[in-house]
N, C-alpha and C. Protein backbone atom coordinates (compact mmCIF):
# COMPACT_ATOMS: atom_id res chain seq x y z
N GLN A 1 -3.35 176.72 -166.76
CA GLN A 1 -2.65 177.33 -167.61
C GLN A 1 -1.33 178.17 -166.94
N VAL A 2 -0.36 178.17 -167.76
CA VAL A 2 0.78 178.99 -167.12
C VAL A 2 1.24 180.19 -168.24
N HIS A 3 1.39 181.33 -167.78
CA HIS A 3 1.88 182.18 -168.83
C HIS A 3 2.99 182.36 -168.31
N LEU A 4 4.13 182.62 -169.25
CA LEU A 4 5.32 182.80 -168.78
C LEU A 4 6.03 184.08 -169.58
N VAL A 5 6.74 185.10 -169.06
CA VAL A 5 7.24 186.17 -169.78
C VAL A 5 8.67 186.44 -169.36
N GLU A 6 9.65 186.46 -170.41
CA GLU A 6 11.03 186.65 -170.12
C GLU A 6 11.43 188.07 -170.31
N SER A 7 12.46 188.48 -169.55
CA SER A 7 13.04 189.73 -169.83
C SER A 7 14.43 189.52 -169.56
N GLY A 8 15.41 190.83 -170.02
CA GLY A 8 16.78 190.74 -169.87
C GLY A 8 17.77 190.69 -170.84
N GLY A 9 17.02 190.30 -172.32
CA GLY A 9 18.23 190.06 -172.99
C GLY A 9 18.64 191.52 -173.62
N GLY A 10 19.72 191.07 -174.69
CA GLY A 10 20.15 192.47 -175.09
C GLY A 10 21.55 192.22 -175.90
N LEU A 11 22.02 193.23 -176.09
CA LEU A 11 23.52 193.17 -177.05
C LEU A 11 24.44 193.47 -175.84
N VAL A 12 25.38 192.31 -176.14
CA VAL A 12 26.43 192.16 -174.99
C VAL A 12 28.02 192.09 -175.86
N GLU A 13 29.01 192.65 -175.53
CA GLU A 13 30.44 192.22 -175.79
C GLU A 13 30.93 191.00 -175.38
N ALA A 14 31.57 190.01 -176.06
CA ALA A 14 31.91 188.74 -175.70
C ALA A 14 32.75 189.11 -174.46
N GLY A 15 32.63 188.09 -173.35
CA GLY A 15 33.04 187.72 -172.22
C GLY A 15 32.47 188.67 -171.07
N ARG A 16 31.31 189.32 -171.34
CA ARG A 16 30.64 190.23 -170.41
C ARG A 16 29.24 189.19 -169.90
N SER A 17 28.68 189.73 -169.06
CA SER A 17 27.45 188.78 -168.33
C SER A 17 25.98 189.63 -169.12
N LEU A 18 25.05 188.77 -168.40
CA LEU A 18 23.53 189.39 -168.90
C LEU A 18 22.97 188.15 -168.01
N LYS A 19 21.56 188.89 -167.21
CA LYS A 19 20.87 187.92 -166.42
C LYS A 19 19.57 188.18 -166.87
N LEU A 20 19.20 186.74 -167.39
CA LEU A 20 17.40 186.53 -168.01
C LEU A 20 16.82 186.56 -166.76
N SER A 21 15.75 186.88 -166.86
CA SER A 21 14.45 186.62 -165.84
C SER A 21 13.45 186.30 -166.58
N CYS A 22 12.39 185.34 -165.90
CA CYS A 22 11.29 184.60 -166.19
C CYS A 22 10.27 184.90 -165.32
N THR A 23 9.04 185.38 -165.36
CA THR A 23 7.85 185.41 -164.52
C THR A 23 6.91 184.69 -164.97
N ALA A 24 6.42 183.33 -164.01
CA ALA A 24 5.43 182.51 -164.36
C ALA A 24 4.21 183.24 -163.80
N SER A 25 2.96 183.12 -164.19
CA SER A 25 1.46 183.60 -163.67
C SER A 25 0.49 182.40 -164.04
N GLY A 26 -0.35 182.74 -163.15
CA GLY A 26 -1.32 181.40 -163.76
C GLY A 26 -1.20 180.22 -162.36
N SER A 27 -1.52 179.07 -162.99
CA SER A 27 -1.35 178.08 -162.16
C SER A 27 -0.18 177.63 -161.81
N THR A 28 0.65 178.43 -161.35
CA THR A 28 2.19 178.14 -160.90
C THR A 28 2.17 177.02 -159.89
N ASP A 29 1.43 176.90 -158.99
CA ASP A 29 1.36 175.64 -157.96
C ASP A 29 1.77 174.43 -158.42
N ARG A 30 1.26 174.45 -160.07
CA ARG A 30 1.54 172.96 -160.60
C ARG A 30 2.58 172.80 -161.33
N ILE A 31 3.38 173.74 -161.31
CA ILE A 31 4.63 173.39 -162.04
C ILE A 31 5.70 172.95 -161.33
N ILE A 32 6.03 171.90 -161.98
CA ILE A 32 7.42 171.29 -161.12
C ILE A 32 8.85 171.27 -161.26
N ALA A 33 8.77 171.95 -162.59
CA ALA A 33 10.16 172.51 -163.07
C ALA A 33 10.27 173.64 -164.03
N MET A 34 11.38 174.44 -163.83
CA MET A 34 11.51 175.43 -164.94
C MET A 34 12.66 175.39 -165.55
N GLY A 35 12.75 176.20 -166.72
CA GLY A 35 13.96 176.18 -167.32
C GLY A 35 14.20 177.27 -168.63
N TRP A 36 15.48 177.14 -169.18
CA TRP A 36 15.57 177.78 -170.60
C TRP A 36 16.20 177.16 -171.74
N TYR A 37 15.49 177.30 -172.76
CA TYR A 37 16.02 176.62 -173.93
C TYR A 37 16.70 177.78 -174.87
N ARG A 38 17.26 177.49 -175.87
CA ARG A 38 17.56 178.62 -176.85
C ARG A 38 17.60 177.89 -178.32
N GLN A 39 17.37 179.02 -179.18
CA GLN A 39 17.51 178.49 -180.69
C GLN A 39 18.50 179.68 -181.13
N GLY A 40 19.55 179.27 -181.88
CA GLY A 40 20.39 180.26 -182.56
C GLY A 40 19.98 180.38 -183.85
N PRO A 41 20.47 181.25 -184.68
CA PRO A 41 20.02 181.54 -186.22
C PRO A 41 20.43 180.44 -186.88
N GLU A 42 21.03 179.41 -186.85
CA GLU A 42 21.03 178.54 -187.75
C GLU A 42 20.97 176.99 -186.82
N ASN A 43 20.48 177.10 -186.00
CA ASN A 43 20.53 175.91 -185.09
C ASN A 43 19.04 175.40 -184.71
N GLU A 44 18.97 174.00 -184.03
CA GLU A 44 17.64 173.60 -183.51
C GLU A 44 17.57 174.17 -182.02
N ARG A 45 16.11 174.53 -181.54
CA ARG A 45 16.21 174.36 -180.08
C ARG A 45 16.88 173.67 -179.48
N GLU A 46 17.60 174.26 -178.45
CA GLU A 46 18.15 173.17 -177.34
C GLU A 46 17.93 173.76 -175.91
N LEU A 47 18.17 172.65 -174.96
CA LEU A 47 18.28 172.86 -173.80
C LEU A 47 19.42 173.87 -173.35
N VAL A 48 19.08 174.57 -172.29
CA VAL A 48 20.31 175.13 -172.21
C VAL A 48 20.12 174.80 -170.66
N ALA A 49 19.31 174.79 -169.42
CA ALA A 49 19.42 174.67 -167.99
C ALA A 49 17.98 174.37 -167.58
N THR A 50 17.82 173.63 -166.71
CA THR A 50 16.69 173.25 -166.02
C THR A 50 16.83 173.47 -164.45
N ILE A 51 15.65 173.75 -163.50
CA ILE A 51 15.64 173.45 -162.35
C ILE A 51 14.25 172.96 -161.76
N THR A 52 14.45 171.93 -160.73
CA THR A 52 13.32 171.47 -160.48
C THR A 52 12.67 172.40 -159.19
N ARG A 53 11.29 172.10 -158.73
CA ARG A 53 11.21 172.35 -157.30
C ARG A 53 12.31 172.26 -156.28
N GLY A 54 12.86 170.93 -156.42
CA GLY A 54 14.09 170.70 -155.19
C GLY A 54 15.25 171.21 -155.46
N ALA A 55 15.46 172.34 -156.51
CA ALA A 55 16.50 172.98 -156.75
C ALA A 55 17.75 171.84 -157.49
N GLY A 56 16.82 170.76 -158.23
CA GLY A 56 18.09 169.91 -158.60
C GLY A 56 17.94 170.76 -160.32
N THR A 57 19.43 170.63 -160.58
CA THR A 57 19.70 171.42 -161.74
C THR A 57 20.30 170.82 -162.83
N ILE A 58 20.12 170.90 -164.09
CA ILE A 58 20.55 170.42 -165.22
C ILE A 58 21.26 171.40 -166.17
N TYR A 59 22.29 171.06 -166.84
CA TYR A 59 22.73 172.32 -167.79
C TYR A 59 23.41 171.68 -169.02
N ALA A 60 23.36 172.11 -170.23
CA ALA A 60 23.74 171.79 -171.38
C ALA A 60 25.73 171.77 -171.04
N ASP A 61 26.06 171.07 -171.74
CA ASP A 61 27.66 170.93 -171.51
C ASP A 61 28.35 172.20 -171.97
N SER A 62 27.86 172.82 -172.99
CA SER A 62 28.49 174.09 -173.30
C SER A 62 28.33 175.27 -172.83
N VAL A 63 27.37 175.07 -171.40
CA VAL A 63 27.27 176.24 -170.68
C VAL A 63 27.69 176.03 -169.22
N LYS A 64 27.97 174.82 -169.24
CA LYS A 64 28.70 174.60 -167.48
C LYS A 64 29.62 175.25 -166.96
N GLY A 65 29.55 175.92 -166.07
CA GLY A 65 30.78 176.50 -165.65
C GLY A 65 30.46 178.26 -165.70
N ARG A 66 29.57 178.33 -166.87
CA ARG A 66 29.56 180.05 -167.17
C ARG A 66 28.01 180.56 -166.87
N PHE A 67 27.27 179.55 -166.87
CA PHE A 67 25.57 179.80 -166.74
C PHE A 67 25.15 179.23 -165.47
N THR A 68 24.38 180.07 -164.60
CA THR A 68 23.80 179.57 -163.51
C THR A 68 22.37 179.70 -163.62
N ILE A 69 21.61 178.64 -163.19
CA ILE A 69 20.03 178.65 -163.19
C ILE A 69 19.36 178.83 -161.87
N SER A 70 18.27 179.52 -161.52
CA SER A 70 18.06 179.49 -160.23
C SER A 70 16.41 179.87 -160.15
N ARG A 71 15.89 179.73 -159.19
CA ARG A 71 14.48 179.80 -158.92
C ARG A 71 14.08 180.53 -157.75
N ASP A 72 13.06 181.43 -157.76
CA ASP A 72 12.32 182.12 -156.87
C ASP A 72 11.00 182.22 -156.76
N ASN A 73 10.19 181.02 -156.21
CA ASN A 73 8.65 181.22 -156.59
C ASN A 73 8.60 180.98 -157.96
N ALA A 74 7.80 182.02 -158.23
CA ALA A 74 6.95 181.54 -159.65
C ALA A 74 8.40 182.23 -160.39
N ASN A 75 9.46 182.77 -160.20
CA ASN A 75 10.84 183.43 -161.29
C ASN A 75 11.68 182.47 -161.46
N VAL A 76 11.94 182.46 -162.58
CA VAL A 76 13.30 181.53 -162.72
C VAL A 76 14.42 182.68 -163.51
N TYR A 77 15.47 182.30 -163.21
CA TYR A 77 16.63 183.22 -163.92
C TYR A 77 17.90 182.67 -164.21
N LEU A 78 18.46 183.11 -165.11
CA LEU A 78 19.48 182.71 -165.86
C LEU A 78 20.89 183.60 -165.93
N GLN A 79 21.59 183.22 -165.03
CA GLN A 79 22.83 184.14 -164.71
C GLN A 79 23.79 183.68 -165.92
N MET A 80 24.17 184.58 -167.15
CA MET A 80 25.20 184.24 -167.98
C MET A 80 26.34 184.71 -167.86
N ASN A 81 27.50 184.14 -167.69
CA ASN A 81 28.72 184.83 -167.41
C ASN A 81 29.73 184.38 -168.69
N ASN A 82 30.55 185.23 -169.04
CA ASN A 82 31.63 184.87 -169.76
C ASN A 82 31.23 184.52 -171.20
N LEU A 83 30.08 185.42 -171.62
CA LEU A 83 29.28 185.10 -172.82
C LEU A 83 30.33 185.10 -174.13
N LYS A 84 29.75 184.20 -175.09
CA LYS A 84 30.48 183.86 -176.23
C LYS A 84 29.69 184.10 -177.20
N PRO A 85 30.29 184.73 -178.54
CA PRO A 85 29.34 184.92 -179.97
C PRO A 85 28.38 183.49 -180.03
N GLU A 86 29.01 182.21 -179.65
CA GLU A 86 28.02 181.35 -179.89
C GLU A 86 26.90 181.27 -179.03
N ASP A 87 26.89 182.18 -177.95
CA ASP A 87 25.53 181.87 -177.05
C ASP A 87 24.52 182.79 -177.85
N THR A 88 24.74 183.66 -179.05
CA THR A 88 23.78 184.22 -179.74
C THR A 88 22.52 183.47 -179.80
N ALA A 89 21.35 183.84 -179.57
CA ALA A 89 20.24 183.04 -179.47
C ALA A 89 19.15 183.76 -178.80
N ASP A 90 17.80 183.17 -179.42
CA ASP A 90 16.63 183.59 -178.47
C ASP A 90 16.45 182.29 -177.55
N TYR A 91 16.26 183.06 -176.51
CA TYR A 91 16.29 182.41 -175.13
C TYR A 91 14.78 182.24 -174.62
N TYR A 92 14.26 180.88 -174.52
CA TYR A 92 12.99 180.79 -174.03
C TYR A 92 12.58 180.13 -172.69
N CYS A 93 11.79 180.67 -171.80
CA CYS A 93 11.71 180.24 -170.63
C CYS A 93 10.75 178.75 -170.92
N THR A 94 10.76 178.20 -170.12
CA THR A 94 9.99 177.06 -170.01
C THR A 94 9.38 176.71 -168.33
N ALA A 95 8.10 175.86 -168.47
CA ALA A 95 7.62 175.27 -167.18
C ALA A 95 6.74 174.13 -167.44
N ARG A 96 7.29 173.43 -166.72
CA ARG A 96 6.83 171.64 -166.81
C ARG A 96 5.74 171.74 -165.78
N HIS A 97 4.43 171.23 -166.14
CA HIS A 97 3.48 170.97 -165.48
C HIS A 97 3.62 169.67 -164.59
N TRP A 98 2.96 169.44 -163.53
CA TRP A 98 2.93 168.14 -162.78
C TRP A 98 2.88 166.81 -163.68
N ASP A 99 1.94 167.07 -164.69
CA ASP A 99 1.56 166.09 -165.35
C ASP A 99 2.51 165.38 -166.06
N GLY A 100 3.77 166.06 -166.17
CA GLY A 100 4.84 165.46 -166.80
C GLY A 100 4.94 165.52 -168.14
N ASN A 101 3.60 165.99 -168.98
CA ASN A 101 3.64 166.25 -170.39
C ASN A 101 3.47 167.52 -171.11
N THR A 102 2.90 168.23 -170.21
CA THR A 102 2.53 169.76 -170.66
C THR A 102 3.79 170.67 -170.37
N ILE A 103 4.20 171.05 -171.28
CA ILE A 103 5.21 172.25 -171.05
C ILE A 103 4.80 173.46 -171.78
N TYR A 104 5.02 174.48 -170.78
CA TYR A 104 4.55 175.96 -171.35
C TYR A 104 5.89 176.66 -171.79
N TRP A 105 5.65 177.48 -172.93
CA TRP A 105 6.70 178.18 -173.18
C TRP A 105 6.34 179.89 -173.24
N GLY A 106 7.31 180.68 -173.05
CA GLY A 106 7.38 182.00 -173.05
C GLY A 106 7.61 182.43 -174.74
N ARG A 107 8.00 183.57 -174.78
CA ARG A 107 7.63 184.32 -176.26
C ARG A 107 9.31 184.43 -176.50
N GLY A 108 10.09 184.30 -175.65
CA GLY A 108 11.63 184.49 -175.82
C GLY A 108 12.03 185.81 -175.72
N THR A 109 13.41 185.89 -175.34
CA THR A 109 14.09 187.29 -175.30
C THR A 109 15.49 186.97 -176.20
N GLN A 110 15.80 187.88 -176.74
CA GLN A 110 16.77 187.58 -177.61
C GLN A 110 18.40 188.31 -176.84
N VAL A 111 19.16 187.56 -177.28
CA VAL A 111 20.59 187.68 -176.86
C VAL A 111 21.56 187.55 -177.77
N THR A 112 22.39 188.79 -178.21
CA THR A 112 23.42 188.70 -178.89
C THR A 112 24.70 189.29 -178.41
N VAL A 113 25.89 188.27 -178.71
CA VAL A 113 26.77 188.71 -178.32
C VAL A 113 27.83 188.79 -179.25
N PHE A 114 28.43 189.94 -179.53
CA PHE A 114 29.48 190.11 -180.50
C PHE A 114 31.31 190.34 -179.92
N SER A 115 31.80 189.96 -180.76
CA SER A 115 33.28 189.99 -180.43
C SER A 115 34.24 191.05 -180.92
């Protein structure tokens, strides 16, 4: 079992930056990838970015060039620059188990961007 706790969300003006953090605990040696999803007020949950153990990354087109995902042992981070109002969402940390099927979710942290 893996437990994920996010932090770093908040209220920010458009154009500014925020950094989200997520700390994993439990069977962290069985995690093969970590990532961030988000769900806006009227949107479905969507992938923001993922990072594998080998540091391979994937980004949603909407955040490329603005967001950077990084990982440090059992922690994963999302540096968000040049934030836009459409980035407003609840952001969820995820961890994928090495079985390939099990995905653990954090409870989310809220990001609100105003213009």
